[in-house]
Amino acid sequence: DLKKLPAHFAGRKWSRDLIAKFPPGCDPCGENGEIH
């Protein structure tokens, strides 16, 4: 969801390192639709 994360997260493998780059308030599981 581009309102919550930049496009370059798409196509990336979900990992601890990637989750650490999520902005504050962004659910690491994407429960609010941040990611699928």
PDB file of all heavy atoms in Angstrom:
ATOM      1  N   ASP A   1       0.864  -1.180   0.000  1.00  0.00           N
ATOM      2  CA  ASP A   1       0.000   0.000   0.000  1.00  0.00           C
ATOM      3  C   ASP A   1       0.903   1.234   0.000  1.00  0.00           C
ATOM      4  O   ASP A   1       1.629   1.483   0.974  1.00  0.00           O
ATOM      5  CB  ASP A   1      -0.897  -0.013   1.236  1.00  0.00           C
ATOM      6  CG  ASP A   1      -1.896   1.137   1.268  1.00  0.00           C
ATOM      7  OD1 ASP A   1      -1.706   2.135   0.549  1.00  0.00           O
ATOM      8  OD2 ASP A   1      -2.865   1.044   2.040  1.00  0.00           O
ATOM      9  N   LEU A   2       0.872   2.002  -1.079  1.00  0.00           N
ATOM     10  CA  LEU A   2       1.806   3.118  -1.236  1.00  0.00           C
ATOM     11  C   LEU A   2       1.521   4.275  -0.281  1.00  0.00           C
ATOM     12  O   LEU A   2       2.363   5.160  -0.129  1.00  0.00           O
ATOM     13  CB  LEU A   2       1.791   3.604  -2.686  1.00  0.00           C
ATOM     14  CG  LEU A   2       2.323   2.586  -3.700  1.00  0.00           C
ATOM     15  CD1 LEU A   2       2.133   3.096  -5.114  1.00  0.00           C
ATOM     16  CD2 LEU A   2       3.787   2.259  -3.425  1.00  0.00           C
ATOM     17  N   LYS A   3       0.397   4.245   0.378  1.00  0.00           N
ATOM     18  CA  LYS A   3       0.135   5.253   1.420  1.00  0.00           C
ATOM     19  C   LYS A   3       0.919   4.944   2.688  1.00  0.00           C
ATOM     20  O   LYS A   3       1.082   5.809   3.552  1.00  0.00           O
ATOM     21  CB  LYS A   3      -1.364   5.311   1.741  1.00  0.00           C
ATOM     22  CG  LYS A   3      -2.247   5.774   0.592  1.00  0.00           C
ATOM     23  CD  LYS A   3      -3.679   6.009   1.025  1.00  0.00           C
ATOM     24  CE  LYS A   3      -4.341   4.750   1.548  1.00  0.00           C
ATOM     25  NZ  LYS A   3      -4.499   3.704   0.484  1.00  0.00           N
ATOM     26  N   LYS A   4       1.414   3.707   2.794  1.00  0.00           N
ATOM     27  CA  LYS A   4       2.060   3.279   4.029  1.00  0.00           C
ATOM     28  C   LYS A   4       3.521   2.871   3.862  1.00  0.00           C
ATOM     29  O   LYS A   4       4.306   2.933   4.808  1.00  0.00           O
ATOM     30  CB  LYS A   4       1.262   2.112   4.632  1.00  0.00           C
ATOM     31  CG  LYS A   4      -0.180   2.515   4.961  1.00  0.00           C
ATOM     32  CD  LYS A   4      -1.021   1.348   5.405  1.00  0.00           C
ATOM     33  CE  LYS A   4      -2.443   1.798   5.713  1.00  0.00           C
ATOM     34  NZ  LYS A   4      -3.324   0.687   6.110  1.00  0.00           N
ATOM     35  N   LEU A   5       3.891   2.460   2.653  1.00  0.00           N
ATOM     36  CA  LEU A   5       5.260   2.029   2.388  1.00  0.00           C
ATOM     37  C   LEU A   5       5.642   2.417   0.963  1.00  0.00           C
ATOM     38  O   LEU A   5       4.785   2.438   0.081  1.00  0.00           O
ATOM     39  CB  LEU A   5       5.398   0.506   2.535  1.00  0.00           C
ATOM     40  CG  LEU A   5       5.452  -0.098   3.946  1.00  0.00           C
ATOM     41  CD1 LEU A   5       5.314  -1.603   3.855  1.00  0.00           C
ATOM     42  CD2 LEU A   5       6.745   0.271   4.637  1.00  0.00           C
ATOM     43  N   PRO A   6       6.928   2.675   0.717  1.00  0.00           N
ATOM     44  CA  PRO A   6       7.365   2.957  -0.661  1.00  0.00           C
ATOM     45  C   PRO A   6       7.359   1.697  -1.522  1.00  0.00           C
ATOM     46  O   PRO A   6       7.441   0.573  -1.011  1.00  0.00           O
ATOM     47  CB  PRO A   6       8.775   3.512  -0.476  1.00  0.00           C
ATOM     48  CG  PRO A   6       9.226   3.022   0.859  1.00  0.00           C
ATOM     49  CD  PRO A   6       8.007   2.880   1.708  1.00  0.00           C
ATOM     50  N   ALA A   7       7.316   1.904  -2.823  1.00  0.00           N
ATOM     51  CA  ALA A   7       7.170   0.805  -3.777  1.00  0.00           C
ATOM     52  C   ALA A   7       8.313  -0.193  -3.730  1.00  0.00           C
ATOM     53  O   ALA A   7       8.136  -1.367  -4.083  1.00  0.00           O
ATOM     54  CB  ALA A   7       7.030   1.376  -5.188  1.00  0.00           C
ATOM     55  N   HIS A   8       9.512   0.254  -3.326  1.00  0.00           N
ATOM     56  CA  HIS A   8      10.667  -0.656  -3.406  1.00  0.00           C
ATOM     57  C   HIS A   8      10.579  -1.829  -2.429  1.00  0.00           C
ATOM     58  O   HIS A   8      11.384  -2.763  -2.516  1.00  0.00           O
ATOM     59  CB  HIS A   8      11.978   0.115  -3.203  1.00  0.00           C
ATOM     60  CG  HIS A   8      12.158   0.729  -1.854  1.00  0.00           C
ATOM     61  ND1 HIS A   8      12.510  -0.004  -0.746  1.00  0.00           N
ATOM     62  CD2 HIS A   8      12.040   2.013  -1.436  1.00  0.00           C
ATOM     63  CE1 HIS A   8      12.598   0.800   0.308  1.00  0.00           C
ATOM     64  NE2 HIS A   8      12.321   2.026  -0.077  1.00  0.00           N
ATOM     65  N   PHE A   9       9.606  -1.816  -1.520  1.00  0.00           N
ATOM     66  CA  PHE A   9       9.423  -2.973  -0.642  1.00  0.00           C
ATOM     67  C   PHE A   9       8.780  -4.144  -1.391  1.00  0.00           C
ATOM     68  O   PHE A   9       8.921  -5.298  -0.975  1.00  0.00           O
ATOM     69  CB  PHE A   9       8.566  -2.601   0.575  1.00  0.00           C
ATOM     70  CG  PHE A   9       9.333  -1.895   1.656  1.00  0.00           C
ATOM     71  CD1 PHE A   9       9.445  -0.517   1.659  1.00  0.00           C
ATOM     72  CD2 PHE A   9       9.952  -2.605   2.678  1.00  0.00           C
ATOM     73  CE1 PHE A   9      10.155   0.143   2.650  1.00  0.00           C
ATOM     74  CE2 PHE A   9      10.673  -1.956   3.676  1.00  0.00           C
ATOM     75  CZ  PHE A   9      10.777  -0.580   3.657  1.00  0.00           C
ATOM     76  N   ALA A  10       8.052  -3.870  -2.454  1.00  0.00           N
ATOM     77  CA  ALA A  10       7.422  -4.939  -3.234  1.00  0.00           C
ATOM     78  C   ALA A  10       8.492  -5.798  -3.897  1.00  0.00           C
ATOM     79  O   ALA A  10       9.468  -5.292  -4.455  1.00  0.00           O
ATOM     80  CB  ALA A  10       6.487  -4.347  -4.276  1.00  0.00           C
ATOM     81  N   GLY A  11       8.296  -7.101  -3.822  1.00  0.00           N
ATOM     82  CA  GLY A  11       9.249  -8.039  -4.416  1.00  0.00           C
ATOM     83  C   GLY A  11      10.366  -8.463  -3.488  1.00  0.00           C
ATOM     84  O   GLY A  11      11.151  -9.353  -3.827  1.00  0.00           O
ATOM     85  N   ARG A  12      10.431  -7.859  -2.311  1.00  0.00           N
ATOM     86  CA  ARG A  12      11.495  -8.190  -1.343  1.00  0.00           C
ATOM     87  C   ARG A  12      11.081  -9.380  -0.481  1.00  0.00           C
ATOM     88  O   ARG A  12       9.899  -9.574  -0.179  1.00  0.00           O
ATOM     89  CB  ARG A  12      11.778  -6.978  -0.445  1.00  0.00           C
ATOM     90  CG  ARG A  12      12.189  -5.716  -1.182  1.00  0.00           C
ATOM     91  CD  ARG A  12      13.642  -5.741  -1.600  1.00  0.00           C
ATOM     92  NE  ARG A  12      14.530  -5.850  -0.454  1.00  0.00           N
ATOM     93  CZ  ARG A  12      14.882  -4.804   0.330  1.00  0.00           C
ATOM     94  NH1 ARG A  12      14.407  -3.585   0.074  1.00  0.00           N
ATOM     95  NH2 ARG A  12      15.709  -4.978   1.345  1.00  0.00           N
ATOM     96  N   LYS A  13      12.073 -10.145  -0.049  1.00  0.00           N
ATOM     97  CA  LYS A  13      11.798 -11.241   0.872  1.00  0.00           C
ATOM     98  C   LYS A  13      11.543 -10.663   2.268  1.00  0.00           C
ATOM     99  O   LYS A  13      12.293  -9.810   2.747  1.00  0.00           O
ATOM    100  CB  LYS A  13      12.950 -12.241   0.910  1.00  0.00           C
ATOM    101  CG  LYS A  13      12.642 -13.490   1.720  1.00  0.00           C
ATOM    102  CD  LYS A  13      13.759 -14.533   1.637  1.00  0.00           C
ATOM    103  CE  LYS A  13      13.732 -15.271   0.328  1.00  0.00           C
ATOM    104  NZ  LYS A  13      14.653 -16.443   0.344  1.00  0.00           N
ATOM    105  N   TRP A  14      10.477 -11.106   2.902  1.00  0.00           N
ATOM    106  CA  TRP A  14      10.096 -10.670   4.244  1.00  0.00           C
ATOM    107  C   TRP A  14      11.099 -11.243   5.250  1.00  0.00           C
ATOM    108  O   TRP A  14      11.319 -12.450   5.294  1.00  0.00           O
ATOM    109  CB  TRP A  14       8.686 -11.172   4.533  1.00  0.00           C
ATOM    110  CG  TRP A  14       8.029 -10.717   5.789  1.00  0.00           C
ATOM    111  CD1 TRP A  14       7.543  -9.475   6.074  1.00  0.00           C
ATOM    112  CD2 TRP A  14       7.721 -11.523   6.931  1.00  0.00           C
ATOM    113  NE1 TRP A  14       6.950  -9.452   7.319  1.00  0.00           N
ATOM    114  CE2 TRP A  14       7.053 -10.710   7.865  1.00  0.00           C
ATOM    115  CE3 TRP A  14       7.948 -12.862   7.256  1.00  0.00           C
ATOM    116  CZ2 TRP A  14       6.599 -11.178   9.097  1.00  0.00           C
ATOM    117  CZ3 TRP A  14       7.499 -13.346   8.480  1.00  0.00           C
ATOM    118  CH2 TRP A  14       6.845 -12.502   9.389  1.00  0.00           C
ATOM    119  N   SER A  15      11.752 -10.369   6.013  1.00  0.00           N
ATOM    120  CA  SER A  15      12.820 -10.798   6.916  1.00  0.00           C
ATOM    121  C   SER A  15      12.915  -9.828   8.087  1.00  0.00           C
ATOM    122  O   SER A  15      12.305  -8.753   8.080  1.00  0.00           O
ATOM    123  CB  SER A  15      14.159 -10.825   6.167  1.00  0.00           C
ATOM    124  OG  SER A  15      14.522  -9.496   5.788  1.00  0.00           O
ATOM    125  N   ARG A  16      13.706 -10.208   9.067  1.00  0.00           N
ATOM    126  CA  ARG A  16      13.916  -9.306  10.209  1.00  0.00           C
ATOM    127  C   ARG A  16      14.533  -7.983   9.744  1.00  0.00           C
ATOM    128  O   ARG A  16      14.146  -6.910  10.212  1.00  0.00           O
ATOM    129  CB  ARG A  16      14.816  -9.969  11.254  1.00  0.00           C
ATOM    130  CG  ARG A  16      14.182 -11.158  11.969  1.00  0.00           C
ATOM    131  CD  ARG A  16      15.132 -11.749  13.005  1.00  0.00           C
ATOM    132  NE  ARG A  16      14.580 -12.933  13.647  1.00  0.00           N
ATOM    133  CZ  ARG A  16      14.717 -14.172  13.180  1.00  0.00           C
ATOM    134  NH1 ARG A  16      15.398 -14.378  12.050  1.00  0.00           N
ATOM    135  NH2 ARG A  16      14.186 -15.194  13.820  1.00  0.00           N
ATOM    136  N   ASP A  17      15.530  -8.079   8.855  1.00  0.00           N
ATOM    137  CA  ASP A  17      16.195  -6.869   8.377  1.00  0.00           C
ATOM    138  C   ASP A  17      15.220  -5.963   7.628  1.00  0.00           C
ATOM    139  O   ASP A  17      15.257  -4.732   7.791  1.00  0.00           O
ATOM    140  CB  ASP A  17      17.362  -7.234   7.455  1.00  0.00           C
ATOM    141  CG  ASP A  17      18.536  -7.829   8.212  1.00  0.00           C
ATOM    142  OD1 ASP A  17      18.576  -7.682   9.455  1.00  0.00           O
ATOM    143  OD2 ASP A  17      19.411  -8.441   7.566  1.00  0.00           O
ATOM    144  N   LEU A  18      14.350  -6.555   6.820  1.00  0.00           N
ATOM    145  CA  LEU A  18      13.394  -5.746   6.066  1.00  0.00           C
ATOM    146  C   LEU A  18      12.364  -5.116   7.000  1.00  0.00           C
ATOM    147  O   LEU A  18      12.032  -3.934   6.864  1.00  0.00           O
ATOM    148  CB  LEU A  18      12.697  -6.603   5.016  1.00  0.00           C
ATOM    149  CG  LEU A  18      11.875  -5.815   3.988  1.00  0.00           C
ATOM    150  CD1 LEU A  18      12.787  -4.951   3.123  1.00  0.00           C
ATOM    151  CD2 LEU A  18      11.043  -6.756   3.123  1.00  0.00           C
ATOM    152  N   ILE A  19      11.872  -5.890   7.965  1.00  0.00           N
ATOM    153  CA  ILE A  19      10.886  -5.377   8.918  1.00  0.00           C
ATOM    154  C   ILE A  19      11.464  -4.199   9.696  1.00  0.00           C
ATOM    155  O   ILE A  19      10.762  -3.228  10.007  1.00  0.00           O
ATOM    156  CB  ILE A  19      10.427  -6.499   9.875  1.00  0.00           C
ATOM    157  CG1 ILE A  19       9.584  -7.533   9.106  1.00  0.00           C
ATOM    158  CG2 ILE A  19       9.632  -5.936  11.045  1.00  0.00           C
ATOM    159  CD1 ILE A  19       9.341  -8.812   9.868  1.00  0.00           C
ATOM    160  N   ALA A  20      12.757  -4.255  10.002  1.00  0.00           N
ATOM    161  CA  ALA A  20      13.410  -3.171  10.743  1.00  0.00           C
ATOM    162  C   ALA A  20      13.398  -1.859   9.969  1.00  0.00           C
ATOM    163  O   ALA A  20      13.537  -0.777  10.562  1.00  0.00           O
ATOM    164  CB  ALA A  20      14.845  -3.558  11.081  1.00  0.00           C
ATOM    165  N   LYS A  21      13.181  -1.937   8.658  1.00  0.00           N
ATOM    166  CA  LYS A  21      13.138  -0.733   7.823  1.00  0.00           C
ATOM    167  C   LYS A  21      11.724  -0.188   7.644  1.00  0.00           C
ATOM    168  O   LYS A  21      11.550   0.856   7.014  1.00  0.00           O
ATOM    169  CB  LYS A  21      13.752  -1.046   6.451  1.00  0.00           C
ATOM    170  CG  LYS A  21      15.229  -1.419   6.533  1.00  0.00           C
ATOM    171  CD  LYS A  21      15.766  -1.872   5.182  1.00  0.00           C
ATOM    172  CE  LYS A  21      17.221  -2.338   5.310  1.00  0.00           C
ATOM    173  NZ  LYS A  21      17.749  -2.892   4.045  1.00  0.00           N
ATOM    174  N   PHE A  22      10.724  -0.895   8.182  1.00  0.00           N
ATOM    175  CA  PHE A  22       9.355  -0.389   8.105  1.00  0.00           C
ATOM    176  C   PHE A  22       9.252   0.898   8.919  1.00  0.00           C
ATOM    177  O   PHE A  22       9.855   1.012   9.998  1.00  0.00           O
ATOM    178  CB  PHE A  22       8.368  -1.403   8.680  1.00  0.00           C
ATOM    179  CG  PHE A  22       8.059  -2.577   7.784  1.00  0.00           C
ATOM    180  CD1 PHE A  22       8.802  -2.842   6.654  1.00  0.00           C
ATOM    181  CD2 PHE A  22       7.001  -3.423   8.085  1.00  0.00           C
ATOM    182  CE1 PHE A  22       8.516  -3.930   5.832  1.00  0.00           C
ATOM    183  CE2 PHE A  22       6.694  -4.506   7.277  1.00  0.00           C
ATOM    184  CZ  PHE A  22       7.456  -4.766   6.147  1.00  0.00           C
ATOM    185  N   PRO A  23       8.477   1.874   8.464  1.00  0.00           N
ATOM    186  CA  PRO A  23       8.296   3.102   9.242  1.00  0.00           C
ATOM    187  C   PRO A  23       7.513   2.839  10.520  1.00  0.00           C
ATOM    188  O   PRO A  23       6.796   1.831  10.623  1.00  0.00           O
ATOM    189  CB  PRO A  23       7.512   4.010   8.291  1.00  0.00           C
ATOM    190  CG  PRO A  23       6.865   3.093   7.317  1.00  0.00           C
ATOM    191  CD  PRO A  23       7.769   1.912   7.175  1.00  0.00           C
ATOM    192  N   PRO A  24       7.627   3.721  11.522  1.00  0.00           N
ATOM    193  CA  PRO A  24       6.886   3.552  12.769  1.00  0.00           C
ATOM    194  C   PRO A  24       5.380   3.422  12.499  1.00  0.00           C
ATOM    195  O   PRO A  24       4.834   4.098  11.630  1.00  0.00           O
ATOM    196  CB  PRO A  24       7.190   4.838  13.541  1.00  0.00           C
ATOM    197  CG  PRO A  24       8.489   5.313  12.976  1.00  0.00           C
ATOM    198  CD  PRO A  24       8.480   4.927  11.534  1.00  0.00           C
ATOM    199  N   GLY A  25       4.758   2.517  13.246  1.00  0.00           N
ATOM    200  CA  GLY A  25       3.322   2.326  13.117  1.00  0.00           C
ATOM    201  C   GLY A  25       2.916   1.361  12.027  1.00  0.00           C
ATOM    202  O   GLY A  25       1.732   1.063  11.860  1.00  0.00           O
ATOM    203  N   CYS A  26       3.875   0.857  11.273  1.00  0.00           N
ATOM    204  CA  CYS A  26       3.586  -0.085  10.195  1.00  0.00           C
ATOM    205  C   CYS A  26       3.622  -1.511  10.751  1.00  0.00           C
ATOM    206  O   CYS A  26       4.636  -1.941  11.304  1.00  0.00           O
ATOM    207  CB  CYS A  26       4.619   0.073   9.080  1.00  0.00           C
ATOM    208  SG  CYS A  26       4.230  -0.821   7.575  1.00  0.00           S
ATOM    209  N   ASP A  27       2.518  -2.218  10.651  1.00  0.00           N
ATOM    210  CA  ASP A  27       2.433  -3.562  11.214  1.00  0.00           C
ATOM    211  C   ASP A  27       3.347  -4.514  10.442  1.00  0.00           C
ATOM    212  O   ASP A  27       3.245  -4.611   9.213  1.00  0.00           O
ATOM    213  CB  ASP A  27       0.989  -4.057  11.141  1.00  0.00           C
ATOM    214  CG  ASP A  27       0.764  -5.364  11.886  1.00  0.00           C
ATOM    215  OD1 ASP A  27       1.364  -6.386  11.507  1.00  0.00           O
ATOM    216  OD2 ASP A  27      -0.006  -5.372  12.854  1.00  0.00           O
ATOM    217  N   PRO A  28       4.248  -5.228  11.123  1.00  0.00           N
ATOM    218  CA  PRO A  28       5.183  -6.112  10.417  1.00  0.00           C
ATOM    219  C   PRO A  28       4.508  -7.270   9.704  1.00  0.00           C
ATOM    220  O   PRO A  28       5.068  -7.848   8.773  1.00  0.00           O
ATOM    221  CB  PRO A  28       6.118  -6.609  11.527  1.00  0.00           C
ATOM    222  CG  PRO A  28       5.359  -6.413  12.795  1.00  0.00           C
ATOM    223  CD  PRO A  28       4.501  -5.209  12.581  1.00  0.00           C
ATOM    224  N   CYS A  29       3.288  -7.616  10.152  1.00  0.00           N
ATOM    225  CA  CYS A  29       2.527  -8.659   9.466  1.00  0.00           C
ATOM    226  C   CYS A  29       1.599  -8.090   8.405  1.00  0.00           C
ATOM    227  O   CYS A  29       0.935  -8.848   7.692  1.00  0.00           O
ATOM    228  CB  CYS A  29       1.716  -9.470  10.481  1.00  0.00           C
ATOM    229  SG  CYS A  29       2.661 -10.762  11.316  1.00  0.00           S
ATOM    230  N   GLY A  30       1.510  -6.769   8.322  1.00  0.00           N
ATOM    231  CA  GLY A  30       0.639  -6.155   7.327  1.00  0.00           C
ATOM    232  C   GLY A  30      -0.834  -6.335   7.612  1.00  0.00           C
ATOM    233  O   GLY A  30      -1.656  -6.328   6.696  1.00  0.00           O
ATOM    234  N   GLU A  31      -1.193  -6.456   8.875  1.00  0.00           N
ATOM    235  CA  GLU A  31      -2.591  -6.721   9.245  1.00  0.00           C
ATOM    236  C   GLU A  31      -3.517  -5.587   8.816  1.00  0.00           C
ATOM    237  O   GLU A  31      -4.702  -5.803   8.568  1.00  0.00           O
ATOM    238  CB  GLU A  31      -2.690  -6.967  10.755  1.00  0.00           C
ATOM    239  CG  GLU A  31      -4.071  -7.345  11.258  1.00  0.00           C
ATOM    240  CD  GLU A  31      -4.491  -8.777  10.921  1.00  0.00           C
ATOM    241  OE1 GLU A  31      -3.806  -9.435  10.115  1.00  0.00           O
ATOM    242  OE2 GLU A  31      -5.513  -9.221  11.454  1.00  0.00           O
ATOM    243  N   ASN A  32      -2.990  -4.378   8.722  1.00  0.00           N
ATOM    244  CA  ASN A  32      -3.798  -3.233   8.307  1.00  0.00           C
ATOM    245  C   ASN A  32      -3.693  -2.972   6.802  1.00  0.00           C
ATOM    246  O   ASN A  32      -4.048  -1.896   6.327  1.00  0.00           O
ATOM    247  CB  ASN A  32      -3.371  -1.986   9.073  1.00  0.00           C
ATOM    248  CG  ASN A  32      -3.594  -2.136  10.563  1.00  0.00           C
ATOM    249  OD1 ASN A  32      -4.711  -2.324  11.021  1.00  0.00           O
ATOM    250  ND2 ASN A  32      -2.515  -2.074  11.338  1.00  0.00           N
ATOM    251  N   GLY A  33      -3.189  -3.950   6.071  1.00  0.00           N
ATOM    252  CA  GLY A  33      -3.102  -3.824   4.615  1.00  0.00           C
ATOM    253  C   GLY A  33      -1.820  -3.209   4.103  1.00  0.00           C
ATOM    254  O   GLY A  33      -1.695  -2.914   2.910  1.00  0.00           O
ATOM    255  N   GLU A  34      -0.834  -2.990   5.004  1.00  0.00           N
ATOM    256  CA  GLU A  34       0.429  -2.392   4.579  1.00  0.00           C
ATOM    257  C   GLU A  34       1.106  -3.225   3.487  1.00  0.00           C
ATOM    258  O   GLU A  34       1.643  -2.694   2.515  1.00  0.00           O
ATOM    259  CB  GLU A  34       1.380  -2.258   5.767  1.00  0.00           C
ATOM    260  CG  GLU A  34       0.929  -1.301   6.846  1.00  0.00           C
ATOM    261  CD  GLU A  34       0.162  -1.997   7.964  1.00  0.00           C
ATOM    262  OE1 GLU A  34      -0.396  -3.098   7.734  1.00  0.00           O
ATOM    263  OE2 GLU A  34       0.117  -1.443   9.081  1.00  0.00           O
ATOM    264  N   ILE A  35       1.109  -4.537   3.704  1.00  0.00           N
ATOM    265  CA  ILE A  35       1.724  -5.462   2.744  1.00  0.00           C
ATOM    266  C   ILE A  35       0.855  -6.702   2.602  1.00  0.00           C
ATOM    267  O   ILE A  35       0.047  -7.027   3.478  1.00  0.00           O
ATOM    268  CB  ILE A  35       3.142  -5.909   3.192  1.00  0.00           C
ATOM    269  CG1 ILE A  35       3.082  -6.637   4.546  1.00  0.00           C
ATOM    270  CG2 ILE A  35       4.110  -4.742   3.230  1.00  0.00           C
ATOM    271  CD1 ILE A  35       4.373  -7.344   4.953  1.00  0.00           C
ATOM    272  N   HIS A  36       1.039  -7.386   1.474  1.00  0.00           N
ATOM    273  CA  HIS A  36       0.517  -8.738   1.293  1.00  0.00           C
ATOM    274  C   HIS A  36       1.681  -9.593   0.809  1.00  0.00           C
ATOM    275  O   HIS A  36       2.627  -9.079   0.188  1.00  0.00           O
ATOM    276  CB  HIS A  36      -0.636  -8.756   0.301  1.00  0.00           C
ATOM    277  CG  HIS A  36      -1.825  -7.971   0.760  1.00  0.00           C
ATOM    278  ND1 HIS A  36      -2.659  -8.382   1.776  1.00  0.00           N
ATOM    279  CD2 HIS A  36      -2.309  -6.775   0.351  1.00  0.00           C
ATOM    280  CE1 HIS A  36      -3.610  -7.490   1.961  1.00  0.00           C
ATOM    281  NE2 HIS A  36      -3.415  -6.498   1.123  1.00  0.00           N
TER     282      HIS A  36
END
